[in-house]
Structure formats: structure tokens, C-alpha cells
């Protein structure tokens, strides 16, 4: 089981990965999360021990197969919740991401799958980003 904080790191790394960033560094992650590089280094070591990422000191961050699956699942949850918030609950777009961030951690996989079905299995989030295929 991952902490919410670890999940935030995985999603941030996935967002960089999705942007086709060839080299993802701890500085990129720190900028994405708006936190210090030492804090990022500490958490990346924990995630590395869980075999979710691969990295050597002063090199780029890459997902393991397990880490990529986890990151896709977290991103899937987040983007499904964004669709719910904007399209069904009519939350303003400028508040949607922040609200989805809070809720993504609360929903079980089963509930997210049912929610996706209810929303007709959207392919894109309200920001136009592809909702990852996790099947």
C-alpha cells in the first residue's frame, strides 16, 4: 500500500512521462510538486525500494513495469474523478483539479470502475488529456 504522498510522486512522474520527457530528473519532480529537491530525493529512495522506479544517483528516473501500472491506475482515478466533478457535479474547472486530487485517494478501485461505467467510460479528461487504459 502506498501513502498519498507516494501516489502524488508517481502521478507527477507519470505526467512528465506522458509529456514524452525523455529524461525525468528529481528536479523535474520537485518543480512538479513545488517542493524541495532534498524532500524529493528522500521520497524517491522509498519508491525505489518498492521497485516502482529505477534510477541511479544523478541519473534519470524510469518506471519499472509495476511502477508504470501503478502510475497509470492513479492517473486513471484522478481523471475519472475530474470528469465526474466537471460534467456531473458542475464544479468549476479552476477548482476541479484540486478537488480531484483530494478525492482520488478516497475512491476504491471498484468504485472508480463503477464511476467510469456510469460516465460512459470517457477517453479524455476535461483538460483534454488521455485517460490511461488500465485493463
Foldseek 3Di string as FASTA:
>chain_A
DDDLVLLLLLLQVVVCVLVVPVFADLVSSCVSVVHDSVVSVVSVVVVVVVQQWDDDPPGGIGGDPVNVLSNLLLQLLLQLQLCCCCVPVVDDPVCSNVVSSVCSVVDDSVRSVVSCVVVVNDQAGPVGHGRDDND
